[in-house]
Amino acid sequence: MFKAEIWLRMSMVKGLNTAQRMKVGEYLQGYADIHPDVLMAGGLNKKQCQQFISPLNEKYINATLTWLEKDAHHLLVYGDSDYPKQLTYISSAPLLLFATGDISTLSQEQIAMVGSRNFSHYGERWAKSFTKELVQAGLIITSGLAIGIDGICHQSALNSKGKTIAVLGSGLENIYPRRHCDLAKRITEEGGAIVSEFLTTALPLATHFPKRNRIISGLSAAVVVVEASLRSGSLITARYALEQGRDVFSLPGPLGSPTSEGTHWLIQQGAYLVNKPQDIIEQIRSSLKWLPMSRSASVAFTQSESSLEMPFPALLSSIEYEATPVDLIAQRTNQPVSQILIQLLDLELEGWVSSVNGGYIRLK
């Protein structure tokens, strides 16, 4: 079994965090014939062995393996030399990243620029202006390829002869939104990269987008919110940034504008009120820089950071970014359902999880 296939199958095994998947995956590298006895010796239980050997989405794994055979298509595994170092320091770092384009840009200094899909002329003007100056300062612009401010920032970076990175909430063979297919192609052709943690055939499901926002902020030195309503997904990115120790900058907007309510709220919560791009450049260039860390140390850092910050860490670690049934959560935590439901209510009120059809999903 090829190395890439082992990692793809490991990503399908439930009930393991990134560190545990890494440990098992590395153990399996030494075996040409992987069967249940080998898997169990590596640390998987019977159900997890079945998930590895016969995953529900095996045909999509095969499609992804075919995709990886093409030039400039890459699989980045947590801890490998080409996996972005700054991303290894966040909690819930993805085990795998699929990328196309110049993957060296992923490890260079980046600024995330995000904002409303329903942008105003004011937001468009300042998104272009800030992007241009940040690019001229040698920074790479990272965003989510969405309609609105995201797309404007990507385009402005390219028009300013800079590089930009798009993080998708879908697989790389399902560029979303479709109207940005040409923009995605231009990003890779002009020295940038497109990345996703989802199998290349994955659809743009609603639950994928809050999850991918942690990668946008995790790749970046700071997050700039240009425009946002109070219900904007940009606020999720800003929240992830704060949890990850990244600076958050927010542009003030016109009073009474719905697309400025979110940015004003961020300023009230302590985000930097930014008047000009130079404010951002000076702040990040004077901040502490990430230093190289061994793989084992970075995993330990991620785990200890997670357990210090999260309420009910054992419970949260058992809830995935896709619908997780309550009985499965109870089984994983070895607690009665009645007690689980009380804790889940607390977590939902604090914005950590959300109840959906089929159980609960983790939001951060």
Protein backbone atom coordinates (compact mmCIF):
# COMPACT_ATOMS: atom_id res chain seq x y z
CA MET A 1 0.00 0.00 0.00
CA PHE A 2 1.43 3.38 -1.02
CA LYS A 3 2.24 6.00 1.59
CA ALA A 4 -0.41 8.41 0.27
CA GLU A 5 -3.11 5.74 0.46
CA ILE A 6 -2.18 4.91 4.06
CA TRP A 7 -2.61 8.54 5.07
CA LEU A 8 -5.88 8.92 3.17
CA ARG A 9 -7.28 5.85 4.86
CA MET A 10 -6.02 7.01 8.27
CA SER A 11 -7.89 10.30 7.76
CA MET A 12 -11.11 8.26 7.50
CA VAL A 13 -10.63 6.52 10.86
CA LYS A 14 -12.90 8.00 13.53
CA GLY A 15 -12.17 8.63 17.18
CA LEU A 16 -8.52 9.66 16.78
CA ASN A 17 -6.86 13.07 16.98
CA THR A 18 -4.08 14.19 14.65
CA ALA A 19 -1.28 13.00 16.94
CA GLN A 20 -2.82 9.53 17.25
CA ARG A 21 -3.37 9.26 13.49
CA MET A 22 0.24 10.25 12.92
CA LYS A 23 1.51 7.59 15.31
CA VAL A 24 -0.51 4.82 13.68
CA GLY A 25 0.20 6.05 10.15
CA GLU A 26 3.94 6.11 10.73
CA TYR A 27 3.80 2.61 12.21
CA LEU A 28 2.03 1.32 9.10
CA GLN A 29 4.71 2.70 6.77
CA GLY A 30 6.85 -0.32 7.61
CA TYR A 31 4.34 -2.87 6.27
CA ALA A 32 3.70 -3.77 2.63
CA ASP A 33 0.73 -5.98 3.56
CA ILE A 34 -1.60 -4.19 5.95
CA HIS A 35 -4.22 -6.47 7.50
CA PRO A 36 -6.30 -6.33 10.70
CA ASP A 37 -3.59 -7.85 12.90
CA VAL A 38 -1.12 -5.16 11.80
CA LEU A 39 -3.70 -2.42 12.35
CA MET A 40 -4.57 -3.65 15.83
CA ALA A 41 -0.89 -3.91 16.71
CA GLY A 42 -0.62 -0.28 15.60
CA GLY A 43 -3.29 0.79 18.09
CA LEU A 44 -6.64 0.57 16.26
CA ASN A 45 -9.68 -1.22 17.62
CA LYS A 46 -11.81 -3.58 15.52
CA LYS A 47 -14.21 -0.88 14.35
CA GLN A 48 -11.36 1.44 13.40
CA CYS A 49 -9.66 -1.40 11.52
CA GLN A 50 -12.82 -1.81 9.48
CA GLN A 51 -12.93 1.93 8.80
CA PHE A 52 -9.35 1.76 7.51
CA ILE A 53 -9.78 -1.35 5.37
CA SER A 54 -13.24 -0.58 3.97
CA PRO A 55 -13.98 3.16 4.34
CA LEU A 56 -17.42 4.31 3.28
CA ASN A 57 -15.93 6.70 0.72
CA GLU A 58 -13.32 4.37 -0.80
CA LYS A 59 -14.14 5.42 -4.36
CA TYR A 60 -13.38 9.02 -3.39
CA ILE A 61 -10.05 7.94 -1.94
CA ASN A 62 -9.24 6.29 -5.27
CA ALA A 63 -10.27 9.46 -7.12
CA THR A 64 -7.97 11.48 -4.86
CA LEU A 65 -5.07 9.10 -5.53
CA THR A 66 -5.64 9.60 -9.26
CA TRP A 67 -5.66 13.37 -8.73
CA LEU A 68 -2.34 13.18 -6.88
CA GLU A 69 -0.66 11.60 -9.91
CA LYS A 70 -0.87 14.89 -11.81
CA ASP A 71 1.86 17.53 -11.82
CA ALA A 72 1.66 20.30 -9.18
CA HIS A 73 -0.85 18.29 -7.14
CA HIS A 74 0.38 17.70 -3.61
CA LEU A 75 -0.52 15.84 -0.41
CA LEU A 76 1.00 17.51 2.66
CA VAL A 77 1.08 15.42 5.83
CA TYR A 78 1.28 16.99 9.29
CA GLY A 79 4.89 17.13 10.42
CA ASP A 80 6.43 16.70 6.96
CA SER A 81 8.98 19.28 5.81
CA ASP A 82 6.59 20.83 3.28
CA TYR A 83 3.65 21.05 5.71
CA PRO A 84 3.31 24.73 6.83
CA LYS A 85 5.07 25.05 10.19
CA GLN A 86 2.79 27.82 11.45
CA LEU A 87 -0.20 25.52 11.03
CA THR A 88 1.29 22.86 13.31
CA TYR A 89 0.94 25.16 16.32
CA ILE A 90 -2.86 25.42 16.24
CA SER A 91 -5.27 23.10 18.01
CA SER A 92 -7.13 20.81 15.58
CA ALA A 93 -4.43 21.13 12.92
CA PRO A 94 -5.47 19.03 9.90
CA LEU A 95 -3.67 15.74 9.40
CA LEU A 96 -3.64 16.27 5.63
CA LEU A 97 -3.68 19.21 3.25
CA PHE A 98 -4.30 18.87 -0.46
CA ALA A 99 -2.67 21.60 -2.49
CA THR A 100 -2.11 22.71 -6.04
CA GLY A 101 0.26 25.43 -7.19
CA ASP A 102 3.46 26.57 -5.49
CA ILE A 103 3.36 24.97 -2.04
CA SER A 104 6.39 26.95 -0.88
CA THR A 105 4.08 29.97 -0.52
CA LEU A 106 2.24 28.17 2.29
CA SER A 107 5.25 28.58 4.57
CA GLN A 108 5.86 32.24 3.74
CA GLU A 109 4.57 35.23 5.70
CA GLN A 110 0.86 35.65 5.10
CA ILE A 111 -1.96 37.99 6.03
CA ALA A 112 -5.54 36.71 5.99
CA MET A 113 -8.03 39.19 4.54
CA VAL A 114 -11.70 38.32 4.90
CA GLY A 115 -15.04 40.05 4.76
CA SER A 116 -18.65 40.09 3.77
CA ARG A 117 -20.08 38.47 0.65
CA ASN A 118 -22.55 41.35 0.48
CA PHE A 119 -19.88 44.02 0.27
CA SER A 120 -20.34 47.76 -0.16
CA HIS A 121 -18.46 50.19 -2.39
CA TYR A 122 -16.65 51.33 0.76
CA GLY A 123 -15.51 47.77 1.53
CA GLU A 124 -14.41 47.12 -2.04
CA ARG A 125 -12.37 50.32 -2.15
CA TRP A 126 -10.46 49.68 1.06
CA ALA A 127 -10.03 45.96 0.43
CA LYS A 128 -8.22 46.78 -2.81
CA SER A 129 -6.19 49.57 -1.22
CA PHE A 130 -5.04 47.54 1.78
CA THR A 131 -4.28 44.46 -0.32
CA LYS A 132 -2.11 46.43 -2.72
CA GLU A 133 0.04 47.93 0.03
CA LEU A 134 0.35 44.67 1.97
CA VAL A 135 1.50 42.90 -1.20
CA GLN A 136 4.03 45.64 -1.86
CA ALA A 137 5.39 45.02 1.65
CA GLY A 138 6.15 41.43 0.61
CA LEU A 139 3.17 39.73 2.27
CA ILE A 140 1.07 36.94 0.75
CA ILE A 141 -2.70 37.40 0.91
CA THR A 142 -4.69 34.42 2.20
CA SER A 143 -8.47 34.16 1.97
CA GLY A 144 -11.34 31.79 1.21
CA LEU A 145 -12.12 32.40 -2.50
CA ALA A 146 -15.68 33.36 -1.54
CA ILE A 147 -17.78 35.87 -3.42
CA GLY A 148 -17.35 39.39 -2.08
CA ILE A 149 -14.39 40.69 -0.11
CA ASP A 150 -12.47 37.38 -0.32
CA GLY A 151 -12.54 37.37 -4.10
CA ILE A 152 -11.74 41.09 -4.29
CA CYS A 153 -8.63 40.60 -2.13
CA HIS A 154 -7.42 37.64 -4.21
CA GLN A 155 -7.87 39.62 -7.43
CA SER A 156 -6.28 42.76 -6.03
CA ALA A 157 -3.23 40.77 -4.88
CA LEU A 158 -2.76 39.34 -8.36
CA ASN A 159 -3.34 42.71 -10.04
CA SER A 160 -0.64 44.13 -7.75
CA LYS A 161 1.83 41.45 -8.96
CA GLY A 162 1.64 39.63 -5.63
CA LYS A 163 0.84 36.08 -4.61
CA THR A 164 -2.26 34.81 -2.90
CA ILE A 165 -3.51 31.58 -1.28
CA ALA A 166 -7.11 30.32 -1.32
CA VAL A 167 -8.36 27.88 1.32
CA LEU A 168 -11.44 25.99 0.14
CA GLY A 169 -14.41 24.48 1.94
CA SER A 170 -14.67 21.87 -0.80
CA GLY A 171 -12.38 19.47 -2.64
CA LEU A 172 -9.93 20.85 -5.17
CA GLU A 173 -11.84 19.28 -8.05
CA ASN A 174 -14.99 21.10 -6.93
CA ILE A 175 -13.94 24.76 -6.94
CA TYR A 176 -16.59 26.79 -5.15
CA PRO A 177 -18.09 29.18 -6.05
CA ARG A 178 -18.04 28.03 -9.68
CA ARG A 179 -17.77 31.62 -10.91
CA HIS A 180 -14.31 31.76 -9.32
CA CYS A 181 -12.86 28.83 -11.30
CA ASP A 182 -10.92 31.23 -13.53
CA LEU A 183 -9.69 33.13 -10.47
CA ALA A 184 -8.51 29.87 -8.88
CA LYS A 185 -6.63 28.98 -12.06
CA ARG A 186 -5.02 32.40 -12.14
CA ILE A 187 -3.92 32.08 -8.50
CA THR A 188 -1.93 28.92 -9.24
CA GLU A 189 -0.60 30.16 -12.56
CA GLU A 190 0.78 33.32 -10.94
CA GLY A 191 2.71 31.64 -8.14
CA GLY A 192 0.07 31.13 -5.46
CA ALA A 193 -1.66 28.02 -4.14
CA ILE A 194 -5.10 26.51 -3.60
CA VAL A 195 -5.48 24.27 -0.53
CA SER A 196 -8.11 22.16 1.18
CA GLU A 197 -8.23 19.54 3.92
CA PHE A 198 -11.07 17.71 2.17
CA LEU A 199 -10.79 14.88 -0.36
CA THR A 200 -10.54 16.31 -3.85
CA THR A 201 -14.09 15.24 -4.77
CA ALA A 202 -15.69 16.73 -1.63
CA LEU A 203 -18.72 18.94 -2.16
CA PRO A 204 -18.98 22.46 -0.67
CA LEU A 205 -21.09 21.47 2.33
CA ALA A 206 -22.23 24.15 4.78
CA THR A 207 -20.39 22.48 7.68
CA HIS A 208 -17.08 22.64 5.79
CA PHE A 209 -16.77 26.41 5.77
CA PRO A 210 -16.57 27.17 9.50
CA LYS A 211 -14.05 24.33 9.74
CA ARG A 212 -11.81 25.66 6.94
CA ASN A 213 -11.71 29.12 8.56
CA ARG A 214 -9.32 27.83 11.22
CA ILE A 215 -6.84 27.04 8.42
CA ILE A 216 -7.14 30.53 6.92
CA SER A 217 -6.22 32.09 10.25
CA GLY A 218 -3.75 29.34 11.18
CA LEU A 219 -1.67 29.91 8.04
CA SER A 220 -1.50 33.64 8.65
CA ALA A 221 0.41 36.00 10.91
CA ALA A 222 -2.75 38.06 11.41
CA VAL A 223 -6.33 38.41 10.21
CA VAL A 224 -7.76 41.60 8.70
CA VAL A 225 -11.56 41.86 8.67
CA VAL A 226 -12.57 44.41 6.04
CA GLU A 227 -16.36 44.26 6.29
CA ALA A 228 -18.65 41.95 8.23
CA SER A 229 -22.20 41.75 9.47
CA LEU A 230 -22.85 40.40 12.95
CA ARG A 231 -23.62 36.97 11.45
CA SER A 232 -20.71 36.90 9.04
CA GLY A 233 -18.43 33.89 8.75
CA SER A 234 -15.56 36.38 8.94
CA LEU A 235 -16.20 36.66 12.68
CA ILE A 236 -15.60 32.90 12.96
CA THR A 237 -12.21 33.40 11.29
CA ALA A 238 -11.45 36.24 13.71
CA ARG A 239 -12.40 34.05 16.68
CA TYR A 240 -10.12 31.27 15.48
CA ALA A 241 -7.32 33.81 15.07
CA LEU A 242 -7.65 34.96 18.67
CA GLU A 243 -7.64 31.36 19.92
CA GLN A 244 -4.51 30.70 17.86
CA GLY A 245 -2.67 33.75 19.20
CA ARG A 246 -2.90 35.71 15.95
CA ASP A 247 -3.55 39.45 15.82
CA VAL A 248 -6.95 40.59 14.55
CA PHE A 249 -7.31 43.90 12.72
CA SER A 250 -10.68 45.43 11.95
CA LEU A 251 -11.52 48.29 9.60
CA PRO A 252 -14.00 50.83 10.98
CA GLY A 253 -16.91 51.56 8.66
CA PRO A 254 -19.74 54.02 8.22
CA LEU A 255 -22.21 54.25 11.10
CA GLY A 256 -25.48 52.56 10.29
CA SER A 257 -23.98 50.25 7.69
CA PRO A 258 -24.98 46.59 8.28
CA THR A 259 -21.66 45.46 6.79
CA SER A 260 -19.77 47.42 9.44
CA GLU A 261 -21.65 46.11 12.48
CA GLY A 262 -19.38 43.06 12.71
CA THR A 263 -16.13 45.02 12.36
CA HIS A 264 -17.27 47.53 15.00
CA TRP A 265 -18.20 44.67 17.32
CA LEU A 266 -14.70 43.19 16.88
CA ILE A 267 -13.15 46.54 17.81
CA GLN A 268 -15.30 46.63 20.93
CA GLN A 269 -14.01 43.15 21.80
CA GLY A 270 -10.40 44.31 21.56
CA ALA A 271 -9.43 43.90 17.89
CA TYR A 272 -6.99 46.48 16.54
CA LEU A 273 -8.75 49.41 14.89
CA VAL A 274 -6.72 49.85 11.73
CA ASN A 275 -6.56 53.10 9.76
CA LYS A 276 -3.85 52.25 7.25
CA PRO A 277 -1.94 49.20 6.02
CA GLN A 278 1.26 50.42 7.67
CA ASP A 279 -0.39 49.83 11.07
CA ILE A 280 -0.66 46.13 10.23
CA ILE A 281 2.85 45.84 8.79
CA GLU A 282 4.46 47.50 11.81
CA GLN A 283 2.51 45.34 14.25
CA ILE A 284 3.27 41.96 12.71
CA ARG A 285 6.89 42.78 11.96
CA SER A 286 7.41 43.68 15.62
CA SER A 287 5.58 40.61 16.94
CA LEU A 288 7.17 37.38 18.09
CA LYS A 289 8.03 34.99 15.28
CA TRP A 290 7.38 31.26 15.23
CA LEU A 291 10.57 29.28 15.81
CA PRO A 292 11.23 25.83 14.37
CA MET A 293 10.03 23.04 16.64
CA SER A 294 10.42 19.30 16.47
CA ARG A 295 7.43 17.26 15.40
CA SER A 296 6.98 15.67 18.82
CA ALA A 297 7.23 19.04 20.56
CA SER A 298 4.72 20.67 18.23
CA VAL A 299 2.22 17.87 18.77
CA ALA A 300 2.65 18.16 22.54
CA PHE A 301 2.17 21.93 22.27
CA THR A 302 -1.05 21.46 20.30
CA GLN A 303 -2.43 18.99 22.80
CA SER A 304 -1.54 21.01 25.90
CA GLU A 305 -2.87 24.24 24.37
CA SER A 306 -6.11 22.50 23.54
CA SER A 307 -6.63 21.05 27.01
CA LEU A 308 -5.85 24.36 28.74
CA GLU A 309 -8.25 26.47 26.72
CA MET A 310 -11.21 24.19 26.06
CA PRO A 311 -14.06 23.57 28.49
CA PHE A 312 -14.86 19.86 28.82
CA PRO A 313 -11.82 18.94 26.67
CA ALA A 314 -12.56 15.21 26.66
CA LEU A 315 -16.09 15.90 25.46
CA LEU A 316 -15.00 18.38 22.81
CA SER A 317 -12.33 16.06 21.45
CA SER A 318 -15.02 13.45 20.83
CA ILE A 319 -17.15 15.83 18.70
CA GLU A 320 -16.23 16.18 15.06
CA TYR A 321 -16.76 18.94 12.51
CA GLU A 322 -19.45 16.75 10.98
CA ALA A 323 -22.60 15.55 12.74
CA THR A 324 -21.64 13.36 15.71
CA PRO A 325 -24.49 11.38 17.37
CA VAL A 326 -25.01 11.87 21.10
CA ASP A 327 -24.76 8.15 21.80
CA LEU A 328 -21.38 8.04 20.05
CA ILE A 329 -20.18 11.01 22.12
CA ALA A 330 -21.31 9.22 25.29
CA GLN A 331 -19.51 6.06 24.18
CA ARG A 332 -16.28 7.92 23.46
CA THR A 333 -16.30 9.78 26.78
CA ASN A 334 -17.67 6.87 28.84
CA GLN A 335 -20.30 9.13 30.43
CA PRO A 336 -24.08 8.75 30.73
CA VAL A 337 -26.18 10.53 28.09
CA SER A 338 -27.97 12.60 30.76
CA GLN A 339 -24.67 14.12 31.90
CA ILE A 340 -23.48 14.57 28.29
CA LEU A 341 -26.58 16.59 27.40
CA ILE A 342 -25.97 19.05 30.25
CA GLN A 343 -22.38 19.63 29.13
CA LEU A 344 -23.45 19.92 25.49
CA LEU A 345 -25.92 22.65 26.41
CA ASP A 346 -23.15 24.62 28.14
CA LEU A 347 -20.88 24.20 25.14
CA GLU A 348 -23.63 25.29 22.75
CA LEU A 349 -24.39 28.40 24.79
CA GLU A 350 -20.68 29.30 24.71
CA GLY A 351 -20.47 28.79 20.96
CA TRP A 352 -18.23 25.70 20.95
CA VAL A 353 -20.73 23.31 19.35
CA SER A 354 -24.04 23.45 17.50
CA SER A 355 -26.91 20.97 17.48
CA VAL A 356 -27.82 19.69 14.00
CA ASN A 357 -29.79 16.82 12.52
CA GLY A 358 -27.98 13.70 13.61
CA GLY A 359 -26.25 15.10 16.69
CA TYR A 360 -23.73 17.90 17.28
CA ILE A 361 -20.96 19.52 15.25
CA ARG A 362 -17.92 21.26 16.63
CA LEU A 363 -17.56 24.93 15.69
CA LYS A 364 -14.09 25.69 17.06
